[in-house]
N, C-alpha and C. Protein backbone atom coordinates (compact mmCIF):
# COMPACT_ATOMS: atom_id res chain seq x y z
N MET A 1 20.78 7.37 0.44
CA MET A 1 19.59 7.93 1.44
C MET A 1 18.37 7.17 -0.21
N PRO A 2 17.35 6.31 -0.07
CA PRO A 2 16.41 6.33 -1.01
C PRO A 2 15.86 7.67 -1.66
N HIS A 3 15.48 8.36 -0.41
CA HIS A 3 14.85 9.43 -1.39
C HIS A 3 15.39 10.51 -1.61
N GLN A 4 16.78 10.16 -1.99
CA GLN A 4 18.04 11.06 -2.63
C GLN A 4 18.34 10.83 -4.22
N LEU A 5 17.33 9.40 -4.09
CA LEU A 5 17.76 9.07 -5.83
C LEU A 5 17.20 9.61 -6.46
N THR A 6 17.48 9.44 -7.75
CA THR A 6 16.51 10.05 -8.80
C THR A 6 15.64 8.57 -9.33
N HIS A 7 14.20 8.96 -10.06
CA HIS A 7 13.50 7.82 -10.24
C HIS A 7 14.53 6.77 -11.04
N PRO A 8 15.09 6.63 -12.10
CA PRO A 8 15.67 5.40 -12.63
C PRO A 8 16.93 4.29 -11.50
N ASP A 9 17.61 5.08 -10.35
CA ASP A 9 18.03 4.76 -9.68
C ASP A 9 18.00 4.23 -8.50
N PHE A 10 16.43 5.13 -8.11
CA PHE A 10 15.23 4.04 -7.45
C PHE A 10 14.91 2.89 -7.75
N ARG A 11 15.02 2.76 -8.86
CA ARG A 11 14.21 1.51 -9.56
C ARG A 11 15.42 0.66 -9.23
N ASP A 12 16.75 0.70 -10.08
CA ASP A 12 17.64 -0.26 -9.16
C ASP A 12 17.97 -0.35 -7.56
N PHE A 13 17.58 0.36 -6.68
CA PHE A 13 17.98 0.12 -5.43
C PHE A 13 16.47 -0.44 -4.87
N LEU A 14 15.07 -0.43 -5.74
CA LEU A 14 14.47 -1.04 -5.03
C LEU A 14 14.66 -2.64 -5.44
N ILE A 15 14.91 -3.00 -6.53
CA ILE A 15 14.75 -4.11 -7.06
C ILE A 15 16.03 -4.71 -6.15
N SER A 16 16.90 -4.12 -5.85
CA SER A 16 18.27 -4.72 -4.34
C SER A 16 17.20 -4.81 -3.55
N ARG A 17 16.86 -4.17 -2.96
CA ARG A 17 16.20 -4.43 -1.57
C ARG A 17 15.09 -5.50 -1.79
N LEU A 18 14.31 -5.82 -2.94
CA LEU A 18 13.27 -6.87 -2.73
C LEU A 18 14.05 -7.95 -2.69
N SER A 19 15.70 -8.34 -3.36
CA SER A 19 16.07 -9.44 -3.60
C SER A 19 16.79 -9.73 -1.99
N GLN A 20 16.04 -8.70 -1.10
CA GLN A 20 16.71 -9.55 0.44
C GLN A 20 15.37 -10.27 1.08
N PRO A 21 15.22 -10.46 2.04
CA PRO A 21 14.11 -11.53 2.74
C PRO A 21 13.20 -10.51 3.24
N LEU A 22 11.31 -10.20 2.86
CA LEU A 22 10.93 -9.22 3.75
C LEU A 22 10.37 -9.40 5.14
N PRO A 23 9.99 -7.98 5.31
CA PRO A 23 10.32 -7.53 7.03
C PRO A 23 9.12 -8.43 7.57
N GLY A 24 7.59 -8.65 6.26
CA GLY A 24 6.88 -9.27 6.58
C GLY A 24 5.88 -9.02 7.28
N GLN A 25 5.47 -9.48 8.70
CA GLN A 25 4.59 -9.23 9.74
C GLN A 25 5.01 -8.06 10.50
N MET A 26 6.19 -8.25 11.18
CA MET A 26 7.17 -7.10 11.57
C MET A 26 6.72 -5.64 11.24
N ALA A 27 7.15 -5.80 10.31
CA ALA A 27 6.85 -4.17 9.84
C ALA A 27 5.35 -4.12 9.26
N GLN A 28 4.29 -5.33 9.19
CA GLN A 28 2.93 -4.92 8.77
C GLN A 28 2.19 -4.11 10.47
N PHE A 29 2.67 -4.79 11.69
CA PHE A 29 2.42 -4.60 12.88
C PHE A 29 2.73 -3.59 13.25
N GLN A 30 3.87 -2.67 12.95
CA GLN A 30 3.95 -1.33 13.41
C GLN A 30 2.71 -0.36 13.06
N MET A 31 2.26 -0.80 11.53
CA MET A 31 1.28 0.54 11.60
C MET A 31 -0.13 -0.17 11.96
N ALA A 32 -0.71 -1.16 12.42
CA ALA A 32 -1.76 -2.19 12.82
C ALA A 32 -2.59 -1.89 14.26
N PRO A 33 -3.81 -1.65 13.81
CA PRO A 33 -4.69 -1.74 15.30
C PRO A 33 -4.41 -3.01 16.01
N LEU A 34 -3.95 -3.06 17.63
CA LEU A 34 -3.82 -3.61 18.44
C LEU A 34 -4.87 -5.15 18.08
N ALA A 35 -5.82 -5.33 17.89
CA ALA A 35 -6.98 -6.00 17.38
C ALA A 35 -6.06 -6.87 16.43
N ARG A 36 -5.28 -5.83 15.62
CA ARG A 36 -4.85 -6.60 13.93
C ARG A 36 -3.29 -7.34 14.45
N GLN A 37 -2.93 -6.83 15.17
CA GLN A 37 -1.47 -7.73 15.43
C GLN A 37 -1.37 -9.09 16.59
N GLN A 38 -1.85 -10.07 15.48
CA GLN A 38 -2.00 -11.41 15.48
C GLN A 38 -1.63 -12.24 14.29
N PRO A 39 -0.39 -12.64 14.55
CA PRO A 39 0.10 -13.35 13.27
C PRO A 39 -0.91 -13.95 12.75
N GLU A 40 -1.65 -15.04 13.48
CA GLU A 40 -2.67 -16.28 12.49
C GLU A 40 -3.54 -15.55 11.98
N MET A 41 -3.97 -14.57 12.72
CA MET A 41 -4.79 -14.04 12.05
C MET A 41 -4.64 -12.83 10.52
N ALA A 42 -3.48 -12.57 10.76
CA ALA A 42 -2.86 -11.83 9.35
C ALA A 42 -2.23 -12.77 8.45
N SER A 43 -2.27 -13.93 8.91
CA SER A 43 -1.51 -14.67 7.52
C SER A 43 -3.11 -15.39 6.67
N VAL A 44 -3.14 -15.27 5.77
CA VAL A 44 -3.56 -15.66 4.56
C VAL A 44 -3.63 -17.31 4.45
N HIS A 45 -3.05 -18.23 5.12
CA HIS A 45 -2.16 -19.32 5.22
C HIS A 45 -4.10 -19.77 5.90
N ALA A 46 -4.32 -21.01 4.81
CA ALA A 46 -5.68 -21.72 5.61
C ALA A 46 -7.04 -20.66 5.68
N LYS A 47 -6.75 -19.39 4.76
CA LYS A 47 -7.93 -19.07 5.22
C LYS A 47 -9.46 -19.05 3.88
N LYS A 48 -10.52 -19.71 4.40
CA LYS A 48 -11.38 -19.57 3.11
C LYS A 48 -11.60 -17.93 2.92
N CYS A 49 -10.97 -17.51 1.80
CA CYS A 49 -10.85 -15.95 1.59
C CYS A 49 -10.97 -15.55 0.20
N ARG A 50 -11.37 -14.19 -0.24
CA ARG A 50 -11.33 -13.92 -1.34
C ARG A 50 -10.07 -13.04 -1.95
N GLU A 51 -10.07 -13.91 -3.37
CA GLU A 51 -8.38 -12.93 -3.56
C GLU A 51 -8.18 -11.80 -3.84
N ALA A 52 -7.03 -10.78 -3.72
CA ALA A 52 -7.35 -9.69 -4.40
C ALA A 52 -5.71 -9.39 -4.70
N GLY A 53 -5.55 -8.09 -6.00
CA GLY A 53 -4.58 -8.02 -6.20
C GLY A 53 -4.21 -6.70 -6.16
N VAL A 54 -3.10 -6.19 -5.66
CA VAL A 54 -2.96 -4.24 -5.63
C VAL A 54 -1.47 -3.89 -5.98
N LEU A 55 -1.81 -3.12 -6.12
CA LEU A 55 -0.42 -2.31 -7.06
C LEU A 55 0.29 -1.20 -5.99
N ALA A 56 1.78 -1.35 -5.79
CA ALA A 56 1.98 0.16 -4.94
C ALA A 56 3.11 0.36 -6.17
N LEU A 57 2.54 1.42 -7.16
CA LEU A 57 3.18 2.18 -8.13
C LEU A 57 3.84 2.97 -7.98
N PHE A 58 5.29 3.24 -7.89
CA PHE A 58 6.11 4.35 -8.12
C PHE A 58 6.60 4.56 -9.30
N TYR A 59 6.60 5.70 -9.85
CA TYR A 59 6.10 7.15 -11.18
C TYR A 59 7.43 8.40 -10.97
N PRO A 60 7.82 8.63 -11.33
CA PRO A 60 8.96 10.08 -11.30
C PRO A 60 7.91 11.11 -11.39
N ASP A 61 8.42 11.91 -10.33
CA ASP A 61 7.30 13.38 -10.20
C ASP A 61 7.91 14.11 -11.11
N SER A 62 7.95 15.32 -10.89
CA SER A 62 8.00 16.98 -12.61
C SER A 62 9.72 16.92 -11.90
N ASP A 63 10.40 16.41 -10.58
CA ASP A 63 11.59 16.60 -10.58
C ASP A 63 12.18 15.51 -10.90
N GLY A 64 11.70 14.53 -11.70
CA GLY A 64 12.41 13.21 -11.52
C GLY A 64 12.84 12.27 -10.38
N MET A 65 11.69 12.97 -9.36
CA MET A 65 11.68 12.05 -8.26
C MET A 65 11.03 10.91 -7.81
N PRO A 66 11.34 9.83 -7.49
CA PRO A 66 10.11 8.89 -7.48
C PRO A 66 8.62 8.76 -6.35
N ALA A 67 7.43 8.81 -6.76
CA ALA A 67 7.07 9.10 -5.94
C ALA A 67 6.35 7.57 -5.94
N LEU A 68 5.20 7.67 -5.02
CA LEU A 68 4.37 6.39 -4.76
C LEU A 68 2.98 6.89 -5.24
N LEU A 69 1.72 5.97 -6.21
CA LEU A 69 0.88 6.41 -6.24
C LEU A 69 0.09 6.13 -5.24
N LEU A 70 -1.20 6.83 -4.86
CA LEU A 70 -1.92 6.50 -3.86
C LEU A 70 -3.55 6.70 -4.91
N THR A 71 -4.45 6.09 -4.33
CA THR A 71 -6.08 6.45 -4.63
C THR A 71 -6.56 6.83 -3.54
N VAL A 72 -8.26 7.42 -3.80
CA VAL A 72 -8.91 7.84 -3.04
C VAL A 72 -10.44 6.84 -3.73
N ARG A 73 -10.88 6.27 -2.48
CA ARG A 73 -11.90 5.97 -2.77
C ARG A 73 -13.41 6.50 -2.83
N PRO A 74 -14.20 6.47 -3.68
CA PRO A 74 -15.44 7.49 -3.24
C PRO A 74 -16.44 7.39 -2.63
N LYS A 75 -16.97 8.26 -2.08
CA LYS A 75 -17.71 8.33 -0.72
C LYS A 75 -18.83 7.48 -0.68
N ALA A 76 -19.04 7.29 -1.90
CA ALA A 76 -20.86 6.25 -2.43
C ALA A 76 -19.92 5.01 -2.33
N MET A 77 -19.15 4.57 -2.18
CA MET A 77 -18.91 3.52 -2.25
C MET A 77 -19.33 2.34 -0.79
N ASN A 78 -19.94 0.76 -1.25
CA ASN A 78 -20.57 0.11 -0.13
C ASN A 78 -19.53 0.00 0.37
N LYS A 79 -18.13 -0.37 0.28
CA LYS A 79 -17.01 -0.83 1.04
C LYS A 79 -15.92 0.56 0.64
N HIS A 80 -15.56 0.82 2.04
CA HIS A 80 -13.78 1.31 1.99
C HIS A 80 -14.24 2.90 1.40
N ALA A 81 -15.55 3.14 2.00
CA ALA A 81 -15.86 4.59 1.56
C ALA A 81 -14.61 5.60 1.71
N GLY A 82 -14.05 6.67 0.75
CA GLY A 82 -13.57 7.55 1.02
C GLY A 82 -12.08 7.14 1.94
N GLN A 83 -11.81 5.92 1.78
CA GLN A 83 -10.38 5.44 1.62
C GLN A 83 -9.01 5.91 0.91
N VAL A 84 -8.16 6.29 1.84
CA VAL A 84 -7.01 5.97 0.68
C VAL A 84 -6.31 4.32 0.70
N ALA A 85 -6.35 4.20 -0.71
CA ALA A 85 -5.91 2.60 -1.43
C ALA A 85 -4.71 2.68 -2.44
N PHE A 86 -4.65 1.78 -2.36
CA PHE A 86 -3.70 1.31 -3.76
C PHE A 86 -4.31 0.85 -4.85
N PRO A 87 -4.03 1.25 -6.37
CA PRO A 87 -4.89 0.60 -7.03
C PRO A 87 -5.09 -0.95 -7.43
N GLY A 88 -6.37 -1.54 -7.19
CA GLY A 88 -6.45 -3.33 -6.98
C GLY A 88 -7.76 -3.13 -6.42
N GLY A 89 -8.11 -4.83 -6.96
CA GLY A 89 -8.68 -5.26 -6.64
C GLY A 89 -9.37 -6.83 -6.64
N ARG A 90 -10.69 -7.33 -6.76
CA ARG A 90 -10.67 -8.71 -6.58
C ARG A 90 -10.25 -9.37 -8.13
N ARG A 91 -9.49 -10.92 -7.83
CA ARG A 91 -9.26 -11.62 -8.88
C ARG A 91 -9.70 -12.42 -9.31
N GLU A 92 -10.31 -12.37 -10.86
CA GLU A 92 -11.04 -12.73 -12.02
C GLU A 92 -11.09 -14.03 -12.28
N LYS A 93 -11.68 -15.18 -12.58
CA LYS A 93 -11.06 -16.49 -13.16
C LYS A 93 -10.62 -16.69 -14.03
N GLY A 94 -9.13 -17.31 -13.77
CA GLY A 94 -8.19 -17.74 -14.67
C GLY A 94 -7.35 -16.68 -14.80
N GLU A 95 -7.43 -15.59 -13.94
CA GLU A 95 -5.93 -14.92 -13.58
C GLU A 95 -5.53 -15.48 -12.67
N ASP A 96 -4.38 -15.14 -13.04
CA ASP A 96 -3.24 -14.86 -11.31
C ASP A 96 -3.05 -13.74 -11.44
N LEU A 97 -2.81 -13.84 -9.74
CA LEU A 97 -3.01 -11.99 -9.05
C LEU A 97 -1.77 -11.23 -9.22
N GLU A 98 -0.97 -11.23 -10.66
CA GLU A 98 0.07 -10.00 -10.83
C GLU A 98 -1.10 -9.80 -11.98
N GLU A 99 -1.42 -10.20 -13.14
CA GLU A 99 -2.98 -10.13 -13.53
C GLU A 99 -3.97 -8.92 -13.76
N THR A 100 -4.24 -9.70 -11.72
CA THR A 100 -5.09 -8.60 -11.22
C THR A 100 -4.78 -7.62 -10.82
N ALA A 101 -3.61 -7.23 -10.51
CA ALA A 101 -3.19 -5.91 -9.65
C ALA A 101 -3.63 -5.38 -11.15
N LEU A 102 -2.10 -5.55 -12.41
CA LEU A 102 -2.26 -5.27 -13.51
C LEU A 102 -3.75 -4.64 -14.21
N ARG A 103 -4.50 -5.28 -14.17
CA ARG A 103 -5.67 -5.23 -14.57
C ARG A 103 -6.80 -3.66 -14.15
N GLU A 104 -6.63 -4.75 -12.60
CA GLU A 104 -7.43 -3.42 -11.76
C GLU A 104 -6.85 -1.83 -12.20
N THR A 105 -5.25 -1.39 -12.06
CA THR A 105 -4.38 -0.51 -12.30
C THR A 105 -4.96 -0.02 -13.59
N GLU A 106 -5.41 -0.59 -14.16
CA GLU A 106 -5.83 -0.28 -15.67
C GLU A 106 -7.09 0.89 -15.65
N GLU A 107 -8.25 -0.08 -14.83
CA GLU A 107 -9.48 0.11 -15.16
C GLU A 107 -9.39 1.64 -14.22
N GLU A 108 -8.49 1.47 -13.07
CA GLU A 108 -9.27 2.39 -12.01
C GLU A 108 -8.18 3.58 -12.29
N VAL A 109 -6.82 3.42 -12.25
CA VAL A 109 -6.32 4.67 -12.74
C VAL A 109 -5.77 5.10 -14.22
N LEU A 110 -6.29 4.21 -15.08
CA LEU A 110 -5.94 4.31 -16.10
C LEU A 110 -4.43 4.15 -17.03
N ILE A 111 -3.42 3.93 -16.11
CA ILE A 111 -2.45 3.32 -16.87
C ILE A 111 -2.26 1.41 -17.59
N HIS A 112 -1.91 1.81 -18.59
CA HIS A 112 -1.94 0.13 -19.11
C HIS A 112 -0.86 -0.67 -18.49
N ARG A 113 -1.50 -1.41 -18.51
CA ARG A 113 -0.68 -2.82 -17.50
C ARG A 113 0.88 -2.79 -18.75
N SER A 114 0.28 -2.83 -20.09
CA SER A 114 2.20 -3.01 -20.98
C SER A 114 3.15 -1.48 -20.22
N LYS A 115 2.60 -0.67 -19.68
CA LYS A 115 3.55 0.36 -19.09
C LYS A 115 4.18 0.16 -17.92
N VAL A 116 4.16 -0.98 -17.07
CA VAL A 116 4.57 -1.33 -15.35
C VAL A 116 5.21 -2.28 -15.70
N ASP A 117 5.75 -1.59 -14.60
CA ASP A 117 7.23 -2.78 -14.71
C ASP A 117 7.36 -3.23 -13.74
N VAL A 118 6.78 -4.53 -13.40
CA VAL A 118 6.66 -5.39 -11.71
C VAL A 118 7.60 -5.53 -11.61
N LEU A 119 8.21 -5.67 -10.18
CA LEU A 119 9.88 -5.12 -9.42
C LEU A 119 9.62 -6.63 -8.46
N GLY A 120 8.67 -6.83 -8.13
CA GLY A 120 8.33 -7.49 -6.87
C GLY A 120 6.92 -7.72 -5.82
N THR A 121 7.32 -8.39 -4.88
CA THR A 121 5.85 -8.23 -4.45
C THR A 121 6.27 -7.41 -2.74
N LEU A 122 4.99 -7.89 -1.92
CA LEU A 122 5.48 -7.15 -0.58
C LEU A 122 5.36 -8.64 0.42
N SER A 123 4.60 -8.58 1.24
CA SER A 123 4.12 -10.11 2.15
C SER A 123 2.47 -9.65 1.56
N SER A 124 1.67 -10.84 1.86
CA SER A 124 0.17 -11.06 1.79
C SER A 124 0.25 -10.49 3.15
N LEU A 125 -1.49 -10.78 3.01
CA LEU A 125 -2.20 -9.94 4.32
C LEU A 125 -3.86 -10.39 4.14
N TYR A 126 -4.12 -10.87 5.21
CA TYR A 126 -5.48 -11.41 5.35
C TYR A 126 -6.53 -10.09 6.26
N ILE A 127 -7.13 -9.58 5.45
CA ILE A 127 -8.42 -8.46 5.83
C ILE A 127 -9.54 -9.38 6.85
N PRO A 128 -10.00 -9.59 7.55
CA PRO A 128 -11.19 -10.07 8.47
C PRO A 128 -12.20 -9.51 7.99
N PRO A 129 -12.31 -7.87 7.92
CA PRO A 129 -13.57 -7.23 7.73
C PRO A 129 -14.27 -7.91 6.43
N SER A 130 -13.38 -7.69 5.42
CA SER A 130 -13.95 -8.01 3.91
C SER A 130 -13.74 -9.60 3.74
N ASN A 131 -12.81 -10.36 4.26
CA ASN A 131 -12.81 -11.36 4.24
C ASN A 131 -12.06 -11.69 2.77
N PHE A 132 -10.94 -10.61 2.82
CA PHE A 132 -9.86 -10.79 1.91
C PHE A 132 -9.06 -11.44 2.34
N CYS A 133 -7.97 -11.68 1.14
CA CYS A 133 -6.66 -12.40 1.15
C CYS A 133 -5.65 -11.21 0.34
N VAL A 134 -5.21 -9.87 0.74
CA VAL A 134 -4.48 -9.59 -0.21
C VAL A 134 -3.45 -9.86 -0.67
N TYR A 135 -2.31 -9.75 -1.94
CA TYR A 135 -1.31 -10.19 -2.30
C TYR A 135 -0.97 -8.39 -3.41
N PRO A 136 0.34 -7.87 -2.27
CA PRO A 136 0.70 -6.55 -3.07
C PRO A 136 1.82 -6.64 -3.95
N PHE A 137 1.39 -5.96 -4.53
CA PHE A 137 2.86 -6.41 -5.97
C PHE A 137 3.72 -4.60 -5.88
N ILE A 138 4.65 -4.54 -6.04
CA ILE A 138 5.25 -3.44 -6.47
C ILE A 138 5.65 -3.21 -7.68
N GLY A 139 5.62 -1.92 -8.61
CA GLY A 139 5.62 -1.99 -10.08
C GLY A 139 6.02 -0.55 -9.85
N CYS A 140 7.01 -0.09 -11.23
CA CYS A 140 7.23 1.21 -11.79
C CYS A 140 6.85 1.63 -13.16
N ILE A 141 6.54 2.95 -13.51
CA ILE A 141 6.56 3.65 -14.78
C ILE A 141 7.19 4.68 -15.05
N ASP A 142 7.67 4.49 -15.64
CA ASP A 142 8.66 5.52 -16.50
C ASP A 142 8.50 6.93 -16.62
N TYR A 143 6.89 7.88 -16.77
CA TYR A 143 6.45 8.77 -17.25
C TYR A 143 5.58 9.16 -15.97
N THR A 144 5.67 10.21 -15.59
CA THR A 144 4.47 10.46 -14.81
C THR A 144 3.03 10.81 -14.96
N PRO A 145 2.33 10.00 -14.12
CA PRO A 145 0.63 9.97 -14.66
C PRO A 145 -0.10 11.12 -14.98
N ASP A 146 -1.49 11.21 -15.21
CA ASP A 146 -2.05 12.01 -15.31
C ASP A 146 -2.96 11.86 -13.61
N LEU A 147 -2.69 12.46 -13.00
CA LEU A 147 -3.20 12.42 -12.03
C LEU A 147 -4.92 13.51 -11.40
N SER A 148 -5.04 13.80 -12.59
CA SER A 148 -6.34 14.01 -12.46
C SER A 148 -7.50 12.73 -12.62
N VAL A 149 -7.44 11.77 -13.06
CA VAL A 149 -8.01 10.58 -13.59
C VAL A 149 -8.82 10.62 -12.59
N ARG A 150 -10.37 10.80 -12.84
CA ARG A 150 -11.37 10.00 -12.44
C ARG A 150 -12.06 8.70 -12.43
N THR A 151 -12.34 8.14 -12.45
CA THR A 151 -13.44 6.80 -12.56
C THR A 151 -14.16 6.13 -11.27
N GLU A 152 -14.78 5.02 -11.70
CA GLU A 152 -15.74 4.98 -11.10
C GLU A 152 -15.28 4.65 -9.57
N GLU A 153 -14.36 4.15 -9.34
CA GLU A 153 -13.68 3.68 -8.61
C GLU A 153 -12.67 4.82 -7.70
N VAL A 154 -12.28 5.98 -8.39
CA VAL A 154 -11.15 6.88 -7.72
C VAL A 154 -12.22 7.83 -7.91
N ALA A 155 -11.98 8.63 -6.71
CA ALA A 155 -12.45 9.78 -6.19
C ALA A 155 -11.31 10.64 -6.58
N ASP A 156 -9.85 10.56 -6.32
CA ASP A 156 -8.65 11.75 -6.50
C ASP A 156 -7.75 10.59 -6.53
N MET A 157 -6.76 10.90 -6.78
CA MET A 157 -5.47 10.71 -6.14
C MET A 157 -4.31 11.28 -6.15
N PHE A 158 -3.11 11.10 -5.98
CA PHE A 158 -1.80 11.70 -5.09
C PHE A 158 -0.57 10.88 -5.12
N GLY A 159 0.19 11.26 -5.41
CA GLY A 159 1.82 10.87 -4.79
C GLY A 159 2.25 11.01 -3.33
N VAL A 160 3.00 10.28 -2.95
CA VAL A 160 3.87 10.45 -1.69
C VAL A 160 5.36 10.59 -1.83
N PRO A 161 5.94 11.13 -1.66
CA PRO A 161 7.62 11.13 -2.05
C PRO A 161 7.88 9.92 -1.49
N VAL A 162 9.32 9.32 -1.49
CA VAL A 162 10.09 8.34 -0.57
C VAL A 162 10.44 9.11 0.60
N SER A 163 10.76 10.65 0.55
CA SER A 163 11.01 10.89 2.02
C SER A 163 9.82 11.01 2.97
N HIS A 164 8.80 11.02 2.03
CA HIS A 164 7.21 10.80 3.01
C HIS A 164 7.36 9.91 3.73
N LEU A 165 7.62 8.60 2.65
CA LEU A 165 7.57 7.32 3.09
C LEU A 165 7.77 6.45 4.62
N ILE A 166 9.20 7.59 4.33
CA ILE A 166 10.69 6.88 5.32
C ILE A 166 10.50 7.71 6.33
N ASP A 167 9.59 8.58 6.54
CA ASP A 167 9.77 9.98 7.43
C ASP A 167 8.75 9.33 9.17
N ALA A 168 9.17 9.29 9.93
CA ALA A 168 8.39 8.12 11.04
C ALA A 168 7.54 9.67 11.82
N GLU A 169 7.74 10.64 11.03
CA GLU A 169 7.04 11.87 12.00
C GLU A 169 6.17 11.63 11.06
N ARG A 170 5.73 11.38 10.27
CA ARG A 170 4.22 10.83 9.68
C ARG A 170 3.40 9.69 9.68
N ARG A 171 3.62 9.19 11.15
CA ARG A 171 3.15 8.00 11.72
C ARG A 171 2.34 8.86 13.20
N ARG A 172 0.73 8.71 13.06
CA ARG A 172 0.22 8.94 14.29
C ARG A 172 -0.54 8.05 14.95
N VAL A 173 -0.78 7.85 15.42
CA VAL A 173 -2.34 7.59 16.26
C VAL A 173 -3.39 8.73 16.63
N THR A 174 -4.73 8.20 16.00
CA THR A 174 -5.90 9.24 16.33
C THR A 174 -7.12 8.04 17.06
N ARG A 175 -7.74 8.18 17.81
CA ARG A 175 -9.13 7.47 18.40
C ARG A 175 -9.81 7.65 17.35
N ARG A 176 -10.74 6.78 16.97
CA ARG A 176 -11.88 7.00 16.08
C ARG A 176 -12.59 5.92 16.34
N SER A 177 -13.75 5.82 15.95
CA SER A 177 -14.91 4.65 15.75
C SER A 177 -14.97 3.67 14.69
N VAL A 178 -14.53 2.53 14.86
CA VAL A 178 -14.64 1.36 14.34
C VAL A 178 -15.54 0.47 14.79
N GLY A 179 -16.60 0.07 13.24
CA GLY A 179 -17.34 -0.36 14.11
C GLY A 179 -18.46 0.13 14.60
N GLU A 180 -18.62 -0.26 15.54
CA GLU A 180 -19.49 -0.51 16.90
C GLU A 180 -18.23 0.20 18.57
N ALA A 181 -16.85 0.23 17.62
CA ALA A 181 -16.24 0.31 18.92
C ALA A 181 -15.02 1.92 19.27
N GLU A 182 -14.83 2.33 19.80
CA GLU A 182 -13.64 3.32 19.84
C GLU A 182 -12.32 2.36 20.31
N ARG A 183 -11.42 3.19 18.95
CA ARG A 183 -10.23 1.78 18.86
C ARG A 183 -8.98 3.21 18.79
N ASP A 184 -8.11 2.79 19.34
CA ASP A 184 -6.45 3.68 18.48
C ASP A 184 -6.16 3.42 17.47
N VAL A 185 -6.06 3.80 16.36
CA VAL A 185 -5.79 3.61 15.05
C VAL A 185 -4.70 4.43 14.30
N PRO A 186 -3.35 3.12 14.03
CA PRO A 186 -2.31 3.94 13.53
C PRO A 186 -2.44 4.58 12.22
N HIS A 187 -2.06 5.30 11.58
CA HIS A 187 -2.08 5.72 10.97
C HIS A 187 -0.93 6.29 10.11
N PHE A 188 -0.78 6.82 8.58
CA PHE A 188 0.34 7.57 7.82
C PHE A 188 -0.32 9.03 7.85
N LEU A 189 0.03 10.20 8.26
CA LEU A 189 -0.72 11.65 7.45
C LEU A 189 0.09 12.27 5.97
N PHE A 190 -0.26 12.00 5.06
CA PHE A 190 0.43 11.98 3.48
C PHE A 190 -0.98 12.92 3.13
N GLN A 191 -0.16 14.27 3.08
CA GLN A 191 -1.35 15.67 2.17
C GLN A 191 -2.23 15.79 3.09
N ASP A 192 -2.54 15.91 4.39
CA ASP A 192 -3.58 15.77 4.91
C ASP A 192 -5.04 13.96 4.80
N ARG A 193 -4.20 13.71 4.04
CA ARG A 193 -5.18 12.35 4.26
C ARG A 193 -4.59 11.18 5.12
N PHE A 194 -5.93 10.68 5.89
CA PHE A 194 -5.19 9.45 6.64
C PHE A 194 -5.10 8.64 5.92
N VAL A 195 -4.20 7.97 5.87
CA VAL A 195 -4.17 6.28 5.77
C VAL A 195 -4.10 5.11 6.53
N TRP A 196 -4.98 4.43 6.81
CA TRP A 196 -4.56 3.53 7.99
C TRP A 196 -4.95 2.11 7.26
N GLY A 197 -5.50 0.88 8.61
CA GLY A 197 -6.06 -0.33 7.95
C GLY A 197 -5.06 -0.85 7.01
N ALA A 198 -5.71 -1.81 6.30
CA ALA A 198 -3.99 -2.73 5.67
C ALA A 198 -3.59 -2.29 4.66
N THR A 199 -3.89 -0.99 4.23
CA THR A 199 -2.93 -0.07 3.24
C THR A 199 -1.98 0.36 3.66
N ALA A 200 -2.00 1.17 5.14
CA ALA A 200 -1.50 1.11 6.06
C ALA A 200 0.27 0.00 6.52
N MET A 201 -0.47 -0.92 6.34
CA MET A 201 0.20 -1.86 7.03
C MET A 201 0.87 -1.95 6.18
N MET A 202 0.32 -2.38 4.76
CA MET A 202 1.79 -2.46 3.65
C MET A 202 2.37 -1.60 2.91
N ILE A 203 2.26 -0.21 3.42
CA ILE A 203 3.42 1.03 3.17
C ILE A 203 4.06 0.86 4.30
N SER A 204 3.80 0.60 5.81
CA SER A 204 4.80 0.47 6.72
C SER A 204 5.68 -1.18 5.64
N GLU A 205 5.68 -2.57 5.61
CA GLU A 205 6.42 -2.84 5.35
C GLU A 205 7.48 -2.13 3.98
N LEU A 206 6.57 -1.49 2.79
CA LEU A 206 7.66 -1.26 1.71
C LEU A 206 8.10 -0.07 2.75
N ALA A 207 8.10 0.59 3.37
CA ALA A 207 9.02 1.46 4.22
C ALA A 207 10.17 0.78 4.61
N ALA A 208 9.84 -0.39 5.29
CA ALA A 208 10.94 -1.28 6.03
C ALA A 208 11.97 -1.47 5.03
N VAL A 209 11.31 -1.86 4.11
CA VAL A 209 12.17 -2.60 2.93
C VAL A 209 13.07 -1.55 2.27
N LEU A 210 12.36 0.21 1.83
CA LEU A 210 13.00 1.16 1.63
C LEU A 210 14.52 1.42 2.86
N GLN A 211 13.98 1.07 3.78
CA GLN A 211 14.78 1.57 4.90
C GLN A 211 14.85 0.71 6.40
N PRO A 212 15.76 -0.09 6.45
CA PRO A 212 15.47 -1.42 7.44
C PRO A 212 15.35 -0.62 8.59
N SER A 213 16.18 0.13 9.16
CA SER A 213 16.26 0.60 10.38
C SER A 213 15.05 0.95 11.10
N LEU A 214 13.51 1.28 10.30
CA LEU A 214 12.06 1.26 10.53
C LEU A 214 11.97 0.03 11.74
N LEU A 215 12.63 -0.82 11.45
CA LEU A 215 11.91 -1.92 12.17
C LEU A 215 12.44 -2.11 13.24
N ASP A 216 13.27 -0.88 13.61
CA ASP A 216 13.62 -0.76 15.01
C ASP A 216 12.27 -0.29 15.78
N MET A 217 11.29 0.44 14.91
CA MET A 217 10.06 1.04 15.67
C MET A 217 9.56 0.18 16.42
N LYS A 218 8.61 0.62 17.67
CA LYS A 218 8.23 -0.43 17.86
C LYS A 218 6.58 0.06 17.56
N PRO A 219 5.86 -0.75 17.20
CA PRO A 219 4.00 -0.81 17.10
C PRO A 219 3.88 0.38 17.86
N LEU A 220 2.63 1.46 16.82
CA LEU A 220 2.21 2.88 17.80
C LEU A 220 1.00 2.58 18.64
N VAL A 221 0.48 0.88 18.48
CA VAL A 221 -0.65 0.71 19.71
C VAL A 221 0.34 -0.26 20.21
N ARG A 222 0.04 -0.61 21.77
CA ARG A 222 0.80 -1.78 22.43
C ARG A 222 -0.28 -2.38 23.11
N SER A 223 -0.06 -3.65 23.83
CA SER A 223 -0.88 -3.88 24.56
C SER A 223 -0.31 -3.35 26.15
């Protein structure tokens, strides 16, 4: 089981899993609101969108076990205020998307790009409200980062053990206001943090890469 592996062995396990076809939208839609469970809408194909690269970064915790780094956006931000996210942001001219993910990670959480070993990618995802096409990369570092770091775009950071990523009991549905409507919102609950939207959809695919049996689960919100 992946959650029983120490960080070096987990890295090799993850590389092996990423050599297989990605679960894609089948996994993403498990944690998507009903309105987002539309293949053409979620695809980046033929979209006139802004492009972003993000990084799902694993590191060894104090016990040498792998954990996934997540950030919390400041509440004063104009967009995605207070939300949990991967490090990442908008592609700049002349960059490829992997370079974007690494640069943004360095700027946001002060982990130098040279320290990150990029292992592969997850499936891209279109986000209609912000008109972003998001391209997630998976990487790892071989040390425990300073989780007390705070920057202009990061109000908090925390790590999620692999055992929590693949734990179906951490998947919930809550009724909440989204825009002007009340909707059932699927989300993960990690350390009392509400993780939803595109980040939850990407984590859902990552979890299915780690444990393919999760694909047998039905979407939490269905018609």
